[in-house]
């Protein structure tokens, strides 16, 4: 549910931005003409994408393999939410950049963050393989 809400929020915000700017929207990747925004928004999008991967791996690595399945799942959920928040922040920031500058170039970076967010969808199989859960614990899922 959390993943769906995050994806829907980014998607709907992008649609509204495109709808509001549809007549004045341009695509310009030239740093000379978009100097105040370019490269701030794309770099932030890439930093949040990288940060999302880094923090997720870091938090998953800190999970103690000897703890109970419930504790592992709770820690996985926290790592997932933090990672997803990074991706959502990068996407929303670039959508705002597109909205302010009427430049659809920034939507590319919002789309990149959105795609990573959508592909990050938690599944039972991903949870089992990431946490290396065994038979008695997998039945509780």
N, C-alpha and C. Protein backbone atom coordinates (compact mmCIF):
# COMPACT_ATOMS: atom_id res chain seq x y z
N UNK A 1 0.82 -1.20 0.00
CA UNK A 1 0.00 0.00 0.00
C UNK A 1 0.86 1.27 0.00
N UNK A 2 1.92 1.23 0.81
CA UNK A 2 2.81 2.40 0.88
C UNK A 2 3.47 2.62 -0.47
N UNK A 3 3.92 1.55 -1.09
CA UNK A 3 4.57 1.66 -2.39
C UNK A 3 3.62 2.21 -3.44
N UNK A 4 2.41 1.72 -3.43
CA UNK A 4 1.40 2.19 -4.39
C UNK A 4 1.11 3.67 -4.18
N UNK A 5 1.01 4.10 -2.94
CA UNK A 5 0.74 5.51 -2.65
C UNK A 5 1.89 6.40 -3.11
N UNK A 6 3.12 5.97 -2.89
CA UNK A 6 4.28 6.76 -3.33
C UNK A 6 4.32 6.87 -4.85
N UNK A 7 4.10 5.76 -5.53
CA UNK A 7 4.10 5.77 -6.99
C UNK A 7 2.96 6.62 -7.55
N UNK A 8 1.79 6.46 -6.97
CA UNK A 8 0.63 7.23 -7.44
C UNK A 8 0.84 8.72 -7.23
N UNK A 9 1.41 9.11 -6.10
CA UNK A 9 1.66 10.52 -5.83
C UNK A 9 2.59 11.14 -6.86
N UNK A 10 3.67 10.46 -7.18
CA UNK A 10 4.62 10.97 -8.17
C UNK A 10 3.95 11.03 -9.55
N UNK A 11 3.27 9.97 -9.91
CA UNK A 11 2.63 9.90 -11.23
C UNK A 11 1.57 10.99 -11.40
N UNK A 12 0.72 11.14 -10.41
CA UNK A 12 -0.35 12.14 -10.51
C UNK A 12 0.21 13.57 -10.51
N UNK A 13 1.23 13.81 -9.72
CA UNK A 13 1.85 15.13 -9.69
C UNK A 13 2.47 15.46 -11.04
N UNK A 14 3.10 14.47 -11.67
CA UNK A 14 3.68 14.68 -13.00
C UNK A 14 2.58 14.96 -14.03
N UNK A 15 1.50 14.21 -13.96
CA UNK A 15 0.39 14.44 -14.90
C UNK A 15 -0.20 15.84 -14.73
N UNK A 16 -0.39 16.26 -13.52
CA UNK A 16 -0.95 17.59 -13.27
C UNK A 16 0.01 18.67 -13.77
N UNK A 17 1.30 18.49 -13.53
CA UNK A 17 2.30 19.45 -14.00
C UNK A 17 2.30 19.54 -15.51
N UNK A 18 2.26 18.40 -16.17
CA UNK A 18 2.23 18.40 -17.64
C UNK A 18 0.94 19.04 -18.14
N UNK A 19 -0.17 18.74 -17.49
CA UNK A 19 -1.45 19.32 -17.90
C UNK A 19 -1.44 20.85 -17.74
N UNK A 20 -0.91 21.34 -16.64
CA UNK A 20 -0.91 22.79 -16.40
C UNK A 20 0.05 23.53 -17.34
N UNK A 21 1.14 22.88 -17.72
CA UNK A 21 2.15 23.53 -18.56
C UNK A 21 2.12 23.06 -20.01
N UNK A 22 1.08 22.39 -20.42
CA UNK A 22 1.07 21.75 -21.74
C UNK A 22 1.28 22.72 -22.89
N UNK A 23 0.84 23.95 -22.77
CA UNK A 23 0.96 24.90 -23.87
C UNK A 23 2.29 25.66 -23.86
N UNK A 24 2.94 25.72 -22.72
CA UNK A 24 4.20 26.47 -22.62
C UNK A 24 5.40 25.55 -22.42
N UNK A 25 5.20 24.25 -22.46
CA UNK A 25 6.27 23.28 -22.20
C UNK A 25 7.24 23.23 -23.38
N UNK A 26 8.52 23.26 -23.05
CA UNK A 26 9.59 23.13 -24.05
C UNK A 26 10.53 22.04 -23.59
N UNK A 27 11.37 21.58 -24.51
CA UNK A 27 12.42 20.62 -24.16
C UNK A 27 13.74 21.27 -24.51
N UNK A 28 14.50 21.66 -23.48
CA UNK A 28 15.76 22.35 -23.70
C UNK A 28 16.78 21.84 -22.70
N UNK A 29 17.80 21.14 -23.22
CA UNK A 29 18.85 20.61 -22.36
C UNK A 29 20.09 21.49 -22.37
N UNK A 30 20.03 22.62 -23.02
CA UNK A 30 21.18 23.51 -23.12
C UNK A 30 21.38 24.25 -21.79
N UNK A 31 22.54 24.07 -21.15
CA UNK A 31 22.79 24.74 -19.87
C UNK A 31 22.84 26.27 -19.98
N UNK A 32 23.07 26.78 -21.17
CA UNK A 32 23.13 28.23 -21.35
C UNK A 32 21.75 28.89 -21.19
N UNK A 33 20.72 28.22 -21.63
CA UNK A 33 19.38 28.81 -21.58
C UNK A 33 18.61 28.44 -20.31
N UNK A 34 19.02 27.38 -19.65
CA UNK A 34 18.32 26.95 -18.42
C UNK A 34 19.27 27.01 -17.24
N UNK A 35 20.16 27.97 -17.23
CA UNK A 35 21.25 28.02 -16.26
C UNK A 35 20.85 27.98 -14.79
N UNK A 36 19.80 28.65 -14.33
CA UNK A 36 19.55 28.56 -12.89
C UNK A 36 19.12 27.16 -12.44
N UNK A 37 18.49 26.41 -13.31
CA UNK A 37 17.98 25.10 -12.91
C UNK A 37 18.86 23.95 -13.37
N UNK A 38 19.48 24.12 -14.48
CA UNK A 38 20.31 23.05 -15.02
C UNK A 38 21.72 23.29 -14.54
N UNK A 39 22.35 22.54 -13.82
CA UNK A 39 22.28 21.12 -13.51
C UNK A 39 21.76 20.78 -12.13
N UNK A 40 21.19 21.74 -11.41
CA UNK A 40 20.75 21.50 -10.04
C UNK A 40 19.75 20.35 -9.94
N UNK A 41 18.69 20.40 -10.73
CA UNK A 41 17.65 19.39 -10.63
C UNK A 41 18.11 18.01 -11.08
N UNK A 42 18.78 17.89 -12.24
CA UNK A 42 19.25 16.55 -12.63
C UNK A 42 20.25 15.95 -11.64
N UNK A 43 21.16 16.77 -11.14
CA UNK A 43 22.15 16.25 -10.19
C UNK A 43 21.46 15.78 -8.91
N UNK A 44 20.48 16.54 -8.43
CA UNK A 44 19.75 16.13 -7.24
C UNK A 44 19.02 14.81 -7.48
N UNK A 45 18.44 14.65 -8.67
CA UNK A 45 17.76 13.41 -9.01
C UNK A 45 18.71 12.22 -9.00
N UNK A 46 19.90 12.41 -9.55
CA UNK A 46 20.88 11.32 -9.58
C UNK A 46 21.44 11.03 -8.19
N UNK A 47 21.61 12.08 -7.39
CA UNK A 47 22.10 11.88 -6.02
C UNK A 47 21.08 11.10 -5.19
N UNK A 48 19.81 11.43 -5.33
CA UNK A 48 18.79 10.71 -4.56
C UNK A 48 18.66 9.27 -5.03
N UNK A 49 18.85 9.03 -6.31
CA UNK A 49 18.81 7.68 -6.83
C UNK A 49 19.96 6.85 -6.25
N UNK A 50 21.15 7.42 -6.27
CA UNK A 50 22.32 6.76 -5.70
C UNK A 50 22.17 6.59 -4.19
N UNK A 51 21.68 7.62 -3.52
CA UNK A 51 21.47 7.55 -2.07
C UNK A 51 20.47 6.48 -1.69
N UNK A 52 19.45 6.32 -2.50
CA UNK A 52 18.44 5.31 -2.24
C UNK A 52 19.06 3.91 -2.24
N UNK A 53 19.86 3.64 -3.24
CA UNK A 53 20.52 2.33 -3.33
C UNK A 53 21.49 2.14 -2.17
N UNK A 54 22.28 3.17 -1.90
CA UNK A 54 23.29 3.10 -0.83
C UNK A 54 22.65 2.86 0.53
N UNK A 55 21.63 3.66 0.88
CA UNK A 55 21.01 3.52 2.20
C UNK A 55 20.28 2.19 2.34
N UNK A 56 19.63 1.74 1.28
CA UNK A 56 18.93 0.45 1.36
C UNK A 56 19.93 -0.67 1.63
N UNK A 57 21.02 -0.70 0.87
CA UNK A 57 22.02 -1.75 1.08
C UNK A 57 22.65 -1.66 2.46
N UNK A 58 22.92 -0.45 2.91
CA UNK A 58 23.51 -0.25 4.24
C UNK A 58 22.59 -0.75 5.35
N UNK A 59 21.32 -0.37 5.26
CA UNK A 59 20.38 -0.76 6.31
C UNK A 59 20.10 -2.27 6.29
N UNK A 60 20.07 -2.85 5.10
CA UNK A 60 19.86 -4.30 5.01
C UNK A 60 21.08 -5.04 5.57
N UNK A 61 22.26 -4.52 5.31
CA UNK A 61 23.48 -5.17 5.82
C UNK A 61 23.56 -5.13 7.34
N UNK A 62 22.91 -4.15 7.96
CA UNK A 62 22.93 -4.03 9.42
C UNK A 62 21.94 -4.96 10.12
N UNK A 63 21.10 -5.64 9.37
CA UNK A 63 20.13 -6.54 9.98
C UNK A 63 20.85 -7.78 10.50
N UNK A 64 20.65 -8.04 11.77
CA UNK A 64 21.28 -9.19 12.42
C UNK A 64 20.55 -10.47 11.96
N UNK A 65 21.30 -11.42 11.46
CA UNK A 65 20.72 -12.66 10.92
C UNK A 65 20.14 -13.57 12.01
N UNK A 66 20.49 -13.31 13.26
CA UNK A 66 20.03 -14.17 14.35
C UNK A 66 18.74 -13.69 15.00
N UNK A 67 18.26 -12.50 14.62
CA UNK A 67 17.04 -11.97 15.22
C UNK A 67 15.81 -12.69 14.66
N UNK A 68 14.69 -12.41 15.25
CA UNK A 68 13.43 -13.03 14.82
C UNK A 68 13.01 -12.50 13.45
N UNK A 69 12.14 -13.24 12.80
CA UNK A 69 11.65 -12.85 11.47
C UNK A 69 10.89 -11.53 11.54
N UNK A 70 10.13 -11.32 12.60
CA UNK A 70 9.37 -10.07 12.73
C UNK A 70 10.29 -8.86 12.80
N UNK A 71 11.38 -8.99 13.53
CA UNK A 71 12.35 -7.89 13.65
C UNK A 71 13.00 -7.64 12.30
N UNK A 72 13.37 -8.71 11.61
CA UNK A 72 13.98 -8.57 10.29
C UNK A 72 13.03 -7.87 9.31
N UNK A 73 11.77 -8.28 9.34
CA UNK A 73 10.78 -7.71 8.43
C UNK A 73 10.56 -6.23 8.75
N UNK A 74 10.50 -5.88 10.02
CA UNK A 74 10.34 -4.48 10.41
C UNK A 74 11.52 -3.63 9.95
N UNK A 75 12.72 -4.18 10.09
CA UNK A 75 13.92 -3.45 9.65
C UNK A 75 13.95 -3.33 8.12
N UNK A 76 13.50 -4.38 7.44
CA UNK A 76 13.41 -4.33 5.98
C UNK A 76 12.41 -3.26 5.55
N UNK A 77 11.29 -3.20 6.24
CA UNK A 77 10.26 -2.21 5.92
C UNK A 77 10.80 -0.79 6.12
N UNK A 78 11.54 -0.57 7.18
CA UNK A 78 12.14 0.75 7.42
C UNK A 78 13.13 1.10 6.32
N UNK A 79 13.96 0.14 5.94
CA UNK A 79 14.94 0.37 4.87
C UNK A 79 14.23 0.66 3.55
N UNK A 80 13.16 -0.06 3.29
CA UNK A 80 12.40 0.16 2.06
C UNK A 80 11.76 1.55 2.03
N UNK A 81 11.18 1.96 3.13
CA UNK A 81 10.52 3.28 3.18
C UNK A 81 11.54 4.40 3.01
N UNK A 82 12.69 4.29 3.65
CA UNK A 82 13.73 5.32 3.51
C UNK A 82 14.22 5.36 2.07
N UNK A 83 14.47 4.23 1.49
CA UNK A 83 14.93 4.15 0.11
C UNK A 83 13.89 4.73 -0.85
N UNK A 84 12.65 4.39 -0.64
CA UNK A 84 11.57 4.89 -1.49
C UNK A 84 11.38 6.40 -1.33
N UNK A 85 11.58 6.89 -0.12
CA UNK A 85 11.45 8.33 0.11
C UNK A 85 12.52 9.10 -0.66
N UNK A 86 13.72 8.55 -0.73
CA UNK A 86 14.78 9.18 -1.52
C UNK A 86 14.37 9.25 -2.99
N UNK A 87 13.87 8.15 -3.52
CA UNK A 87 13.48 8.12 -4.93
C UNK A 87 12.32 9.07 -5.20
N UNK A 88 11.37 9.10 -4.29
CA UNK A 88 10.23 10.01 -4.46
C UNK A 88 10.68 11.46 -4.39
N UNK A 89 11.59 11.77 -3.49
CA UNK A 89 12.09 13.15 -3.37
C UNK A 89 12.76 13.60 -4.65
N UNK A 90 13.59 12.74 -5.24
CA UNK A 90 14.26 13.09 -6.49
C UNK A 90 13.27 13.30 -7.62
N UNK A 91 12.26 12.45 -7.69
CA UNK A 91 11.26 12.59 -8.74
C UNK A 91 10.44 13.86 -8.56
N UNK A 92 9.97 14.11 -7.34
CA UNK A 92 9.16 15.31 -7.09
C UNK A 92 9.97 16.59 -7.30
N UNK A 93 11.22 16.57 -6.90
CA UNK A 93 12.08 17.74 -7.07
C UNK A 93 12.25 18.08 -8.55
N UNK A 94 12.44 17.07 -9.38
CA UNK A 94 12.57 17.31 -10.81
C UNK A 94 11.26 17.71 -11.46
N UNK A 95 10.16 17.19 -10.96
CA UNK A 95 8.85 17.62 -11.48
C UNK A 95 8.62 19.08 -11.14
N UNK A 96 9.00 19.49 -9.94
CA UNK A 96 8.90 20.90 -9.56
C UNK A 96 9.79 21.76 -10.45
N UNK A 97 10.99 21.28 -10.75
CA UNK A 97 11.88 21.99 -11.68
C UNK A 97 11.26 22.15 -13.04
N UNK A 98 10.60 21.12 -13.50
CA UNK A 98 9.90 21.18 -14.79
C UNK A 98 8.74 22.17 -14.73
N UNK A 99 8.04 22.15 -13.62
CA UNK A 99 6.90 23.07 -13.46
C UNK A 99 7.35 24.52 -13.43
N UNK A 100 8.42 24.81 -12.70
CA UNK A 100 8.90 26.18 -12.57
C UNK A 100 9.51 26.72 -13.86
N UNK A 101 10.23 25.86 -14.58
CA UNK A 101 10.94 26.33 -15.77
C UNK A 101 10.19 26.06 -17.07
N UNK A 102 9.10 25.32 -16.99
CA UNK A 102 8.35 24.91 -18.18
C UNK A 102 9.23 24.11 -19.13
N UNK A 103 10.20 23.41 -18.59
CA UNK A 103 11.14 22.64 -19.38
C UNK A 103 10.92 21.15 -19.10
N UNK A 104 10.55 20.41 -20.12
CA UNK A 104 10.28 18.99 -19.93
C UNK A 104 11.55 18.15 -19.82
N UNK A 105 12.72 18.77 -20.00
CA UNK A 105 14.00 18.06 -19.85
C UNK A 105 14.11 17.45 -18.45
N UNK A 106 13.64 18.14 -17.45
CA UNK A 106 13.75 17.66 -16.07
C UNK A 106 12.85 16.45 -15.80
N UNK A 107 11.85 16.27 -16.65
CA UNK A 107 10.97 15.11 -16.48
C UNK A 107 11.69 13.80 -16.78
N UNK A 108 12.78 13.86 -17.53
CA UNK A 108 13.57 12.65 -17.79
C UNK A 108 14.13 12.11 -16.48
N UNK A 109 14.64 13.00 -15.66
CA UNK A 109 15.23 12.58 -14.38
C UNK A 109 14.14 12.19 -13.38
N UNK A 110 13.00 12.84 -13.47
CA UNK A 110 11.87 12.43 -12.64
C UNK A 110 11.41 11.04 -13.07
N UNK A 111 11.40 10.79 -14.36
CA UNK A 111 11.02 9.47 -14.86
C UNK A 111 12.00 8.40 -14.41
N UNK A 112 13.29 8.72 -14.43
CA UNK A 112 14.30 7.75 -13.98
C UNK A 112 14.06 7.36 -12.52
N UNK A 113 13.82 8.36 -11.67
CA UNK A 113 13.54 8.07 -10.26
C UNK A 113 12.23 7.30 -10.11
N UNK A 114 11.24 7.66 -10.90
CA UNK A 114 9.94 6.98 -10.84
C UNK A 114 10.07 5.52 -11.27
N UNK A 115 10.83 5.27 -12.32
CA UNK A 115 11.01 3.89 -12.78
C UNK A 115 11.70 3.05 -11.70
N UNK A 116 12.74 3.60 -11.09
CA UNK A 116 13.41 2.87 -10.01
C UNK A 116 12.45 2.64 -8.84
N UNK A 117 11.62 3.62 -8.55
CA UNK A 117 10.64 3.47 -7.47
C UNK A 117 9.63 2.38 -7.82
N UNK A 118 9.15 2.37 -9.05
CA UNK A 118 8.17 1.36 -9.46
C UNK A 118 8.78 -0.04 -9.47
N UNK A 119 10.03 -0.14 -9.90
CA UNK A 119 10.69 -1.45 -9.93
C UNK A 119 11.07 -1.95 -8.54
N UNK A 120 11.10 -1.06 -7.58
CA UNK A 120 11.46 -1.41 -6.21
C UNK A 120 10.30 -2.07 -5.46
N UNK A 121 9.20 -2.28 -6.14
CA UNK A 121 8.01 -2.85 -5.54
C UNK A 121 8.34 -4.07 -4.68
N UNK A 122 7.95 -4.04 -3.42
CA UNK A 122 8.28 -5.17 -2.54
C UNK A 122 7.39 -6.38 -2.84
N UNK A 123 8.01 -7.51 -2.97
CA UNK A 123 7.26 -8.75 -3.16
C UNK A 123 7.71 -9.76 -2.10
N UNK A 124 6.94 -10.79 -1.97
CA UNK A 124 7.26 -11.83 -1.00
C UNK A 124 8.59 -12.48 -1.34
N UNK A 125 8.82 -12.73 -2.62
CA UNK A 125 10.07 -13.38 -3.04
C UNK A 125 11.28 -12.49 -2.78
N UNK A 126 11.15 -11.18 -3.03
CA UNK A 126 12.26 -10.26 -2.76
C UNK A 126 12.57 -10.21 -1.27
N UNK A 127 11.53 -10.19 -0.47
CA UNK A 127 11.70 -10.15 0.99
C UNK A 127 12.41 -11.41 1.49
N UNK A 128 11.97 -12.55 0.99
CA UNK A 128 12.58 -13.83 1.42
C UNK A 128 14.04 -13.90 1.00
N UNK A 129 14.33 -13.52 -0.24
CA UNK A 129 15.72 -13.62 -0.71
C UNK A 129 16.62 -12.57 -0.06
N UNK A 130 16.14 -11.37 0.14
CA UNK A 130 16.95 -10.32 0.75
C UNK A 130 17.27 -10.65 2.20
N UNK A 131 16.28 -11.11 2.93
CA UNK A 131 16.48 -11.41 4.35
C UNK A 131 16.94 -12.83 4.60
N UNK A 132 17.00 -13.64 3.56
CA UNK A 132 17.41 -15.04 3.66
C UNK A 132 16.58 -15.78 4.70
N UNK A 133 15.27 -15.65 4.57
CA UNK A 133 14.36 -16.31 5.50
C UNK A 133 14.23 -17.79 5.14
N UNK A 134 14.02 -18.61 6.15
CA UNK A 134 13.88 -20.06 5.98
C UNK A 134 12.44 -20.48 6.21
N UNK A 135 12.17 -21.76 6.08
CA UNK A 135 10.81 -22.32 6.07
C UNK A 135 9.86 -21.84 7.16
N UNK A 136 10.16 -21.93 8.43
CA UNK A 136 9.10 -21.55 9.38
C UNK A 136 8.74 -20.07 9.29
N UNK A 137 9.73 -19.25 8.96
CA UNK A 137 9.47 -17.82 8.88
C UNK A 137 8.75 -17.42 7.60
N UNK A 138 8.97 -18.16 6.53
CA UNK A 138 8.32 -17.81 5.26
C UNK A 138 6.83 -18.10 5.29
N UNK A 139 6.41 -19.01 6.11
CA UNK A 139 4.99 -19.32 6.20
C UNK A 139 4.21 -18.20 6.88
N UNK A 140 4.85 -17.41 7.70
CA UNK A 140 4.19 -16.30 8.40
C UNK A 140 3.87 -15.15 7.45
N UNK A 141 4.55 -15.11 6.31
CA UNK A 141 4.32 -14.03 5.35
C UNK A 141 3.02 -14.27 4.64
